[in-house]
Amino acid sequence: MHILGAHFDYFKTMGIEMSEGREFSALFPNDTTTGIILNEAAVKMLGWEKPIGRDIQIGDLKDGQVVGVAKDFHFHSLHDPIMPLAMFVPETIMRHILIRVKPGDISSMIASLQSDWNAFAPNLPFDMSFVDEQIQQRYQSDQGFSKLIYLFSALTILIAALGLYGLIAVIASFRVREIVIRRVLGATVNNIVILLSKEFFYLVLVATLLAFPLAWWAIHKWLQDFAYRIDIQWWMFVIAGMSALAIALITVGLQSIRAAVANPVESLRSE
């Protein structure tokens, strides 16, 4: 079971609600010596239906009674599930002070805190940080990984589009006579574009279907690192596949239109 030292007003300051009992209070002197608060995960693990007033021993640190049960809250990374937790008022020196402030002029607030700090502890440096910034630092690796995925995805799409564009240009150059003859015999620009695009459409469709199982496996494997995660839905792959087909058709279509609208006389002359 994890342990956490928490003084008076800790739960109020952090916005942690109680599901049973009460939080630590200066109105109850025994809280500093015997008071213990569990979270819901700890109560569930112990199998207690009525935990308030039960005796409990936390290693060599504390012997006391449960005075309250706090609703489950995250005290570790979101990669981990909420684990059993026991909280008590520690007898050691406080290393951190948590302060909840109202939104507003942050610089004036920091100056006021520093002034108060210097009045109480002039020989100790004033070192502060914001909780949201500390949480942000915990997930920098995840955010960096996300940006890396976006970057390589964009590069992959760009390289694939350039490859398709160059490939259709080469194929169109080899089929100049066919395109000209079809145009002379009455084929429209749409007919030529469909003729040149349908082969690529089938290839991209097959490639997309082959990529789906690999993509599902990679995403599923990555999501296993998080205790709280989304479910992979079928419509995600449908959107991804339609996007891939749309990009391929636009890329191929641009070059196909260029070949289809070319002057037949000029095309045959260059041929």
C-alpha atoms as a PDB file:
ATOM      1  CA  MET A   1       0.000   0.000   0.000  1.00  0.00           C
ATOM      2  CA  HIS A   2       1.324   3.449  -0.875  1.00  0.00           C
ATOM      3  CA  ILE A   3       1.612   6.070   1.828  1.00  0.00           C
ATOM      4  CA  LEU A   4       1.287   9.860   1.723  1.00  0.00           C
ATOM      5  CA  GLY A   5       1.895  12.493   4.366  1.00  0.00           C
ATOM      6  CA  ALA A   6      -0.900  15.065   4.459  1.00  0.00           C
ATOM      7  CA  HIS A   7      -1.435  17.875   6.955  1.00  0.00           C
ATOM      8  CA  PHE A   8      -4.609  19.747   7.785  1.00  0.00           C
ATOM      9  CA  ASP A   9      -6.528  21.255   4.844  1.00  0.00           C
ATOM     10  CA  TYR A  10      -4.619  19.092   2.357  1.00  0.00           C
ATOM     11  CA  PHE A  11      -7.799  17.608   0.889  1.00  0.00           C
ATOM     12  CA  LYS A  12      -9.559  20.977   0.757  1.00  0.00           C
ATOM     13  CA  THR A  13      -6.567  22.605  -0.933  1.00  0.00           C
ATOM     14  CA  MET A  14      -6.203  19.853  -3.536  1.00  0.00           C
ATOM     15  CA  GLY A  15      -9.951  19.566  -4.134  1.00  0.00           C
ATOM     16  CA  ILE A  16     -10.094  15.914  -3.008  1.00  0.00           C
ATOM     17  CA  GLU A  17     -13.552  14.849  -1.887  1.00  0.00           C
ATOM     18  CA  MET A  18     -14.334  12.411   0.913  1.00  0.00           C
ATOM     19  CA  SER A  19     -16.619   9.462   0.283  1.00  0.00           C
ATOM     20  CA  GLU A  20     -16.884   8.555   3.978  1.00  0.00           C
ATOM     21  CA  GLY A  21     -15.875  10.088   7.282  1.00  0.00           C
ATOM     22  CA  ARG A  22     -13.910  13.324   7.438  1.00  0.00           C
ATOM     23  CA  GLU A  23     -10.545  14.805   6.566  1.00  0.00           C
ATOM     24  CA  PHE A  24      -7.785  15.689   9.030  1.00  0.00           C
ATOM     25  CA  SER A  25      -8.673  18.634  11.231  1.00  0.00           C
ATOM     26  CA  ALA A  26      -7.041  20.669  13.988  1.00  0.00           C
ATOM     27  CA  LEU A  27     -10.331  20.288  15.881  1.00  0.00           C
ATOM     28  CA  PHE A  28      -9.383  16.644  16.497  1.00  0.00           C
ATOM     29  CA  PRO A  29      -5.972  16.580  18.275  1.00  0.00           C
ATOM     30  CA  ASN A  30      -5.699  12.792  17.937  1.00  0.00           C
ATOM     31  CA  ASP A  31      -5.506  13.135  14.132  1.00  0.00           C
ATOM     32  CA  THR A  32      -1.819  14.007  14.433  1.00  0.00           C
ATOM     33  CA  THR A  33      -1.048  10.790  16.323  1.00  0.00           C
ATOM     34  CA  THR A  34      -3.584   8.138  15.318  1.00  0.00           C
ATOM     35  CA  GLY A  35      -5.662   9.528  12.435  1.00  0.00           C
ATOM     36  CA  ILE A  36      -5.474   7.649   9.132  1.00  0.00           C
ATOM     37  CA  ILE A  37      -7.332   8.232   5.866  1.00  0.00           C
ATOM     38  CA  LEU A  38      -7.576   5.575   3.146  1.00  0.00           C
ATOM     39  CA  ASN A  39      -8.595   5.925  -0.457  1.00  0.00           C
ATOM     40  CA  GLU A  40     -11.389   3.855  -1.984  1.00  0.00           C
ATOM     41  CA  ALA A  41      -8.895   1.511  -3.665  1.00  0.00           C
ATOM     42  CA  ALA A  42      -7.364   0.660  -0.272  1.00  0.00           C
ATOM     43  CA  VAL A  43     -10.770  -0.013   1.289  1.00  0.00           C
ATOM     44  CA  LYS A  44     -11.658  -2.259  -1.625  1.00  0.00           C
ATOM     45  CA  MET A  45      -8.384  -4.150  -1.319  1.00  0.00           C
ATOM     46  CA  LEU A  46      -8.931  -4.670   2.429  1.00  0.00           C
ATOM     47  CA  GLY A  47     -12.524  -5.766   1.845  1.00  0.00           C
ATOM     48  CA  TRP A  48     -13.913  -3.494   4.541  1.00  0.00           C
ATOM     49  CA  GLU A  49     -17.602  -2.579   4.246  1.00  0.00           C
ATOM     50  CA  LYS A  50     -17.441  -0.157   7.215  1.00  0.00           C
ATOM     51  CA  PRO A  51     -13.874   1.187   7.401  1.00  0.00           C
ATOM     52  CA  ILE A  52     -14.494   4.191   9.676  1.00  0.00           C
ATOM     53  CA  GLY A  53     -13.072   3.485  13.145  1.00  0.00           C
ATOM     54  CA  ARG A  54     -11.184   0.354  12.092  1.00  0.00           C
ATOM     55  CA  ASP A  55      -7.682  -0.104  13.540  1.00  0.00           C
ATOM     56  CA  ILE A  56      -4.835  -0.238  11.058  1.00  0.00           C
ATOM     57  CA  GLN A  57      -1.052  -0.310  11.241  1.00  0.00           C
ATOM     58  CA  ILE A  58       1.130   1.235   8.550  1.00  0.00           C
ATOM     59  CA  GLY A  59       4.442  -0.552   8.917  1.00  0.00           C
ATOM     60  CA  ASP A  60       6.605   1.097  11.566  1.00  0.00           C
ATOM     61  CA  LEU A  61       5.228   4.540  10.781  1.00  0.00           C
ATOM     62  CA  LYS A  62       1.793   4.711  12.327  1.00  0.00           C
ATOM     63  CA  ASP A  63      -0.748   2.786  14.413  1.00  0.00           C
ATOM     64  CA  GLY A  64      -4.196   4.308  14.401  1.00  0.00           C
ATOM     65  CA  GLN A  65      -7.804   4.330  13.319  1.00  0.00           C
ATOM     66  CA  VAL A  66      -9.429   5.174  10.023  1.00  0.00           C
ATOM     67  CA  VAL A  67     -11.170   8.559  10.280  1.00  0.00           C
ATOM     68  CA  GLY A  68     -12.086   8.980   6.635  1.00  0.00           C
ATOM     69  CA  VAL A  69     -12.122   7.499   3.157  1.00  0.00           C
ATOM     70  CA  ALA A  70     -11.091   9.770   0.268  1.00  0.00           C
ATOM     71  CA  LYS A  71     -12.440   9.317  -3.212  1.00  0.00           C
ATOM     72  CA  ASP A  72      -9.878   7.824  -5.563  1.00  0.00           C
ATOM     73  CA  PHE A  73      -7.549  10.375  -7.127  1.00  0.00           C
ATOM     74  CA  HIS A  74      -4.438  10.073  -9.261  1.00  0.00           C
ATOM     75  CA  PHE A  75      -1.202  10.319  -7.275  1.00  0.00           C
ATOM     76  CA  HIS A  76       0.949   8.517  -9.862  1.00  0.00           C
ATOM     77  CA  SER A  77       1.287   8.764 -13.608  1.00  0.00           C
ATOM     78  CA  LEU A  78      -1.780   8.053 -15.730  1.00  0.00           C
ATOM     79  CA  HIS A  79       0.220   5.126 -17.086  1.00  0.00           C
ATOM     80  CA  ASP A  80      -0.650   3.389 -13.803  1.00  0.00           C
ATOM     81  CA  PRO A  81      -4.055   2.545 -12.308  1.00  0.00           C
ATOM     82  CA  ILE A  82      -5.132   4.159  -9.018  1.00  0.00           C
ATOM     83  CA  MET A  83      -3.462   2.086  -6.308  1.00  0.00           C
ATOM     84  CA  PRO A  84      -4.278   1.609  -2.597  1.00  0.00           C
ATOM     85  CA  LEU A  85      -3.173   4.605  -0.543  1.00  0.00           C
ATOM     86  CA  ALA A  86      -2.947   5.377   3.185  1.00  0.00           C
ATOM     87  CA  MET A  87      -2.578   8.986   4.378  1.00  0.00           C
ATOM     88  CA  PHE A  88      -1.646  10.339   7.778  1.00  0.00           C
ATOM     89  CA  VAL A  89      -0.260  13.495   9.396  1.00  0.00           C
ATOM     90  CA  PRO A  90       3.518  12.981   9.418  1.00  0.00           C
ATOM     91  CA  GLU A  91       5.651  13.840  12.393  1.00  0.00           C
ATOM     92  CA  THR A  92       8.623  14.835  10.239  1.00  0.00           C
ATOM     93  CA  ILE A  93       9.508  18.338   9.047  1.00  0.00           C
ATOM     94  CA  MET A  94       7.399  19.581   6.148  1.00  0.00           C
ATOM     95  CA  ARG A  95       9.314  19.698   2.872  1.00  0.00           C
ATOM     96  CA  HIS A  96       6.595  21.224   0.688  1.00  0.00           C
ATOM     97  CA  ILE A  97       3.814  23.737   1.175  1.00  0.00           C
ATOM     98  CA  LEU A  98       0.818  23.572  -1.151  1.00  0.00           C
ATOM     99  CA  ILE A  99      -1.054  26.820  -1.791  1.00  0.00           C
ATOM    100  CA  ARG A 100      -4.230  27.287  -3.820  1.00  0.00           C
ATOM    101  CA  VAL A 101      -4.506  30.767  -5.325  1.00  0.00           C
ATOM    102  CA  LYS A 102      -7.256  32.563  -7.182  1.00  0.00           C
ATOM    103  CA  PRO A 103      -6.781  33.318 -10.891  1.00  0.00           C
ATOM    104  CA  GLY A 104      -5.451  36.809 -11.494  1.00  0.00           C
ATOM    105  CA  ASP A 105      -2.186  38.705 -11.342  1.00  0.00           C
ATOM    106  CA  ILE A 106       0.359  35.886 -11.036  1.00  0.00           C
ATOM    107  CA  SER A 107       3.387  38.176 -10.670  1.00  0.00           C
ATOM    108  CA  SER A 108       1.838  40.046  -7.719  1.00  0.00           C
ATOM    109  CA  MET A 109       0.865  36.749  -6.124  1.00  0.00           C
ATOM    110  CA  ILE A 110       4.412  35.405  -6.415  1.00  0.00           C
ATOM    111  CA  ALA A 111       5.839  38.635  -4.976  1.00  0.00           C
ATOM    112  CA  SER A 112       3.430  38.419  -2.032  1.00  0.00           C
ATOM    113  CA  LEU A 113       4.352  34.782  -1.351  1.00  0.00           C
ATOM    114  CA  GLN A 114       8.052  35.586  -1.518  1.00  0.00           C
ATOM    115  CA  SER A 115       7.594  38.448   0.919  1.00  0.00           C
ATOM    116  CA  ASP A 116       5.770  36.188   3.377  1.00  0.00           C
ATOM    117  CA  TRP A 117       8.403  33.496   2.945  1.00  0.00           C
ATOM    118  CA  ASN A 118      11.263  35.895   3.645  1.00  0.00           C
ATOM    119  CA  ALA A 119       9.478  37.043   6.820  1.00  0.00           C
ATOM    120  CA  PHE A 120       9.235  33.470   8.159  1.00  0.00           C
ATOM    121  CA  ALA A 121      12.407  31.895   6.732  1.00  0.00           C
ATOM    122  CA  PRO A 122      14.865  34.596   5.623  1.00  0.00           C
ATOM    123  CA  ASN A 123      17.787  32.160   5.532  1.00  0.00           C
ATOM    124  CA  LEU A 124      16.112  29.665   3.173  1.00  0.00           C
ATOM    125  CA  PRO A 125      15.765  30.274  -0.581  1.00  0.00           C
ATOM    126  CA  PHE A 126      12.277  30.774  -1.979  1.00  0.00           C
ATOM    127  CA  ASP A 127      11.706  27.981  -4.492  1.00  0.00           C
ATOM    128  CA  MET A 128       8.264  27.557  -6.020  1.00  0.00           C
ATOM    129  CA  SER A 129       6.622  25.820  -8.968  1.00  0.00           C
ATOM    130  CA  PHE A 130       3.119  25.314 -10.305  1.00  0.00           C
ATOM    131  CA  VAL A 131       1.457  21.914 -10.033  1.00  0.00           C
ATOM    132  CA  ASP A 132       0.236  21.998 -13.629  1.00  0.00           C
ATOM    133  CA  GLU A 133       3.809  22.601 -14.822  1.00  0.00           C
ATOM    134  CA  GLN A 134       5.052  19.600 -12.850  1.00  0.00           C
ATOM    135  CA  ILE A 135       2.287  17.450 -14.343  1.00  0.00           C
ATOM    136  CA  GLN A 136       3.234  18.758 -17.792  1.00  0.00           C
ATOM    137  CA  GLN A 137       6.826  17.600 -17.267  1.00  0.00           C
ATOM    138  CA  ARG A 138       5.647  14.088 -16.395  1.00  0.00           C
ATOM    139  CA  TYR A 139       4.191  13.648 -19.874  1.00  0.00           C
ATOM    140  CA  GLN A 140       6.844  15.388 -21.957  1.00  0.00           C
ATOM    141  CA  SER A 141       8.014  12.063 -23.365  1.00  0.00           C
ATOM    142  CA  ASP A 142       4.450  11.187 -24.428  1.00  0.00           C
ATOM    143  CA  GLN A 143       3.970  14.601 -26.017  1.00  0.00           C
ATOM    144  CA  GLY A 144       7.326  14.338 -27.762  1.00  0.00           C
ATOM    145  CA  PHE A 145       6.384  10.910 -29.087  1.00  0.00           C
ATOM    146  CA  SER A 146       3.080  12.327 -30.351  1.00  0.00           C
ATOM    147  CA  LYS A 147       4.837  15.166 -32.205  1.00  0.00           C
ATOM    148  CA  LEU A 148       7.292  12.654 -33.673  1.00  0.00           C
ATOM    149  CA  ILE A 149       4.402  10.526 -34.959  1.00  0.00           C
ATOM    150  CA  TYR A 150       2.757  13.581 -36.553  1.00  0.00           C
ATOM    151  CA  LEU A 151       6.048  14.598 -38.203  1.00  0.00           C
ATOM    152  CA  PHE A 152       6.839  11.185 -39.663  1.00  0.00           C
ATOM    153  CA  SER A 153       3.211  10.720 -40.752  1.00  0.00           C
ATOM    154  CA  ALA A 154       3.347  14.001 -42.653  1.00  0.00           C
ATOM    155  CA  LEU A 155       6.679  13.053 -44.258  1.00  0.00           C
ATOM    156  CA  THR A 156       5.329   9.626 -45.208  1.00  0.00           C
ATOM    157  CA  ILE A 157       2.243  11.129 -46.854  1.00  0.00           C
ATOM    158  CA  LEU A 158       4.365  13.699 -48.701  1.00  0.00           C
ATOM    159  CA  ILE A 159       6.839  11.102 -49.999  1.00  0.00           C
ATOM    160  CA  ALA A 160       4.009   8.755 -51.024  1.00  0.00           C
ATOM    161  CA  ALA A 161       2.172  11.568 -52.818  1.00  0.00           C
ATOM    162  CA  LEU A 162       5.328  12.639 -54.662  1.00  0.00           C
ATOM    163  CA  GLY A 163       5.980   9.025 -55.643  1.00  0.00           C
ATOM    164  CA  LEU A 164       2.448   8.613 -56.989  1.00  0.00           C
ATOM    165  CA  TYR A 165       2.682  11.908 -58.838  1.00  0.00           C
ATOM    166  CA  GLY A 166       5.943  10.898 -60.508  1.00  0.00           C
ATOM    167  CA  LEU A 167       4.668   7.399 -61.308  1.00  0.00           C
ATOM    168  CA  ILE A 168       1.485   8.606 -62.995  1.00  0.00           C
ATOM    169  CA  ALA A 169       3.551  11.138 -64.968  1.00  0.00           C
ATOM    170  CA  VAL A 170       5.772   8.341 -66.300  1.00  0.00           C
ATOM    171  CA  ILE A 171       2.784   6.116 -67.135  1.00  0.00           C
ATOM    172  CA  ALA A 172       0.986   8.982 -68.874  1.00  0.00           C
ATOM    173  CA  SER A 173       4.077   9.679 -70.985  1.00  0.00           C
ATOM    174  CA  PHE A 174       4.145   6.031 -72.129  1.00  0.00           C
ATOM    175  CA  ARG A 175       0.438   6.119 -72.997  1.00  0.00           C
ATOM    176  CA  VAL A 176       0.424   9.358 -74.989  1.00  0.00           C
ATOM    177  CA  ARG A 177      -0.744   7.681 -78.209  1.00  0.00           C
ATOM    178  CA  GLU A 178      -3.546   5.827 -76.404  1.00  0.00           C
ATOM    179  CA  ILE A 179      -4.730   9.014 -74.697  1.00  0.00           C
ATOM    180  CA  VAL A 180      -4.660  10.980 -77.976  1.00  0.00           C
ATOM    181  CA  ILE A 181      -6.537   8.282 -79.899  1.00  0.00           C
ATOM    182  CA  ARG A 182      -9.191   8.060 -77.166  1.00  0.00           C
ATOM    183  CA  ARG A 183      -9.574  11.838 -77.184  1.00  0.00           C
ATOM    184  CA  VAL A 184      -9.959  11.918 -80.982  1.00  0.00           C
ATOM    185  CA  LEU A 185     -12.553   9.144 -80.814  1.00  0.00           C
ATOM    186  CA  GLY A 186     -14.622  11.170 -78.348  1.00  0.00           C
ATOM    187  CA  ALA A 187     -13.360  10.291 -74.876  1.00  0.00           C
ATOM    188  CA  THR A 188     -13.904  13.060 -72.335  1.00  0.00           C
ATOM    189  CA  VAL A 189     -11.420  14.342 -69.775  1.00  0.00           C
ATOM    190  CA  ASN A 190     -13.322  12.415 -67.094  1.00  0.00           C
ATOM    191  CA  ASN A 191     -12.947   9.195 -69.079  1.00  0.00           C
ATOM    192  CA  ILE A 192      -9.192   9.678 -69.341  1.00  0.00           C
ATOM    193  CA  VAL A 193      -8.835  10.556 -65.654  1.00  0.00           C
ATOM    194  CA  ILE A 194     -10.824   7.472 -64.599  1.00  0.00           C
ATOM    195  CA  LEU A 195      -8.778   5.299 -66.980  1.00  0.00           C
ATOM    196  CA  LEU A 196      -5.474   6.424 -65.480  1.00  0.00           C
ATOM    197  CA  SER A 197      -6.652   6.569 -61.864  1.00  0.00           C
ATOM    198  CA  LYS A 198      -8.544   3.321 -61.366  1.00  0.00           C
ATOM    199  CA  GLU A 199      -5.430   1.142 -61.355  1.00  0.00           C
ATOM    200  CA  PHE A 200      -3.863   3.263 -58.618  1.00  0.00           C
ATOM    201  CA  PHE A 201      -7.142   3.287 -56.727  1.00  0.00           C
ATOM    202  CA  TYR A 202      -7.114  -0.506 -56.496  1.00  0.00           C
ATOM    203  CA  LEU A 203      -3.433  -0.583 -55.486  1.00  0.00           C
ATOM    204  CA  VAL A 204      -3.916   2.001 -52.724  1.00  0.00           C
ATOM    205  CA  LEU A 205      -7.034   0.168 -51.545  1.00  0.00           C
ATOM    206  CA  VAL A 206      -5.154  -3.132 -51.262  1.00  0.00           C
ATOM    207  CA  ALA A 207      -2.225  -1.426 -49.508  1.00  0.00           C
ATOM    208  CA  THR A 208      -4.626   0.209 -47.043  1.00  0.00           C
ATOM    209  CA  LEU A 209      -6.329  -3.077 -46.215  1.00  0.00           C
ATOM    210  CA  LEU A 210      -2.949  -4.742 -45.680  1.00  0.00           C
ATOM    211  CA  ALA A 211      -1.855  -1.892 -43.385  1.00  0.00           C
ATOM    212  CA  PHE A 212      -4.931  -2.076 -41.129  1.00  0.00           C
ATOM    213  CA  PRO A 213      -3.862  -5.181 -39.109  1.00  0.00           C
ATOM    214  CA  LEU A 214      -0.345  -3.819 -38.591  1.00  0.00           C
ATOM    215  CA  ALA A 215      -1.698  -0.399 -37.563  1.00  0.00           C
ATOM    216  CA  TRP A 216      -4.163  -1.985 -35.134  1.00  0.00           C
ATOM    217  CA  TRP A 217      -1.406  -4.085 -33.553  1.00  0.00           C
ATOM    218  CA  ALA A 218       0.962  -1.098 -33.166  1.00  0.00           C
ATOM    219  CA  ILE A 219      -1.725   1.161 -31.647  1.00  0.00           C
ATOM    220  CA  HIS A 220      -2.970  -1.590 -29.348  1.00  0.00           C
ATOM    221  CA  LYS A 221       0.593  -2.287 -28.181  1.00  0.00           C
ATOM    222  CA  TRP A 222       1.227   1.402 -27.442  1.00  0.00           C
ATOM    223  CA  LEU A 223      -2.058   1.879 -25.575  1.00  0.00           C
ATOM    224  CA  GLN A 224      -1.172  -0.963 -23.205  1.00  0.00           C
ATOM    225  CA  ASP A 225       1.282   1.430 -21.522  1.00  0.00           C
ATOM    226  CA  PHE A 226      -1.680   3.433 -20.187  1.00  0.00           C
ATOM    227  CA  ALA A 227      -4.013   2.247 -17.444  1.00  0.00           C
ATOM    228  CA  TYR A 228      -6.671   4.636 -18.794  1.00  0.00           C
ATOM    229  CA  ARG A 229      -6.975   4.545 -22.547  1.00  0.00           C
ATOM    230  CA  ILE A 230      -9.445   4.818 -25.397  1.00  0.00           C
ATOM    231  CA  ASP A 231     -10.792   1.810 -27.254  1.00  0.00           C
ATOM    232  CA  ILE A 232      -9.779   1.295 -30.861  1.00  0.00           C
ATOM    233  CA  GLN A 233     -12.921   1.716 -32.970  1.00  0.00           C
ATOM    234  CA  TRP A 234     -13.516   0.425 -36.500  1.00  0.00           C
ATOM    235  CA  TRP A 235     -14.478   3.878 -37.791  1.00  0.00           C
ATOM    236  CA  MET A 236     -10.960   5.150 -37.068  1.00  0.00           C
ATOM    237  CA  PHE A 237      -9.580   2.827 -39.730  1.00  0.00           C
ATOM    238  CA  VAL A 238     -12.381   3.748 -42.126  1.00  0.00           C
ATOM    239  CA  ILE A 239     -11.506   7.441 -41.828  1.00  0.00           C
ATOM    240  CA  ALA A 240      -7.793   6.685 -42.209  1.00  0.00           C
ATOM    241  CA  GLY A 241      -8.439   4.524 -45.281  1.00  0.00           C
ATOM    242  CA  MET A 242     -10.728   7.101 -46.902  1.00  0.00           C
ATOM    243  CA  SER A 243      -8.148   9.812 -46.230  1.00  0.00           C
ATOM    244  CA  ALA A 244      -5.406   7.736 -47.851  1.00  0.00           C
ATOM    245  CA  LEU A 245      -7.581   7.028 -50.893  1.00  0.00           C
ATOM    246  CA  ALA A 246      -8.558  10.692 -51.170  1.00  0.00           C
ATOM    247  CA  ILE A 247      -4.933  11.865 -51.071  1.00  0.00           C
ATOM    248  CA  ALA A 248      -3.960   9.240 -53.657  1.00  0.00           C
ATOM    249  CA  LEU A 249      -6.841  10.135 -55.983  1.00  0.00           C
ATOM    250  CA  ILE A 250      -6.118  13.856 -55.735  1.00  0.00           C
ATOM    251  CA  THR A 251      -2.431  13.276 -56.470  1.00  0.00           C
ATOM    252  CA  VAL A 252      -3.107  10.936 -59.393  1.00  0.00           C
ATOM    253  CA  GLY A 253      -6.045  13.015 -60.614  1.00  0.00           C
ATOM    254  CA  LEU A 254      -3.999  16.209 -60.965  1.00  0.00           C
ATOM    255  CA  GLN A 255      -1.482  14.531 -63.236  1.00  0.00           C
ATOM    256  CA  SER A 256      -4.205  12.646 -65.099  1.00  0.00           C
ATOM    257  CA  ILE A 257      -6.095  15.865 -65.838  1.00  0.00           C
ATOM    258  CA  ARG A 258      -2.887  17.439 -67.097  1.00  0.00           C
ATOM    259  CA  ALA A 259      -2.375  14.555 -69.516  1.00  0.00           C
ATOM    260  CA  ALA A 260      -6.027  14.494 -70.560  1.00  0.00           C
ATOM    261  CA  VAL A 261      -6.329  18.201 -71.417  1.00  0.00           C
ATOM    262  CA  ALA A 262      -3.077  18.322 -73.397  1.00  0.00           C
ATOM    263  CA  ASN A 263      -3.401  19.303 -77.055  1.00  0.00           C
ATOM    264  CA  PRO A 264      -3.549  16.044 -79.093  1.00  0.00           C
ATOM    265  CA  VAL A 265      -1.605  17.639 -81.989  1.00  0.00           C
ATOM    266  CA  GLU A 266       1.207  18.803 -79.719  1.00  0.00           C
ATOM    267  CA  SER A 267       1.270  15.412 -77.979  1.00  0.00           C
ATOM    268  CA  LEU A 268       1.598  13.491 -81.263  1.00  0.00           C
ATOM    269  CA  ARG A 269       4.185  15.959 -82.560  1.00  0.00           C
ATOM    270  CA  SER A 270       6.378  15.424 -79.489  1.00  0.00           C
ATOM    271  CA  GLU A 271       5.750  11.685 -79.733  1.00  0.00           C
END
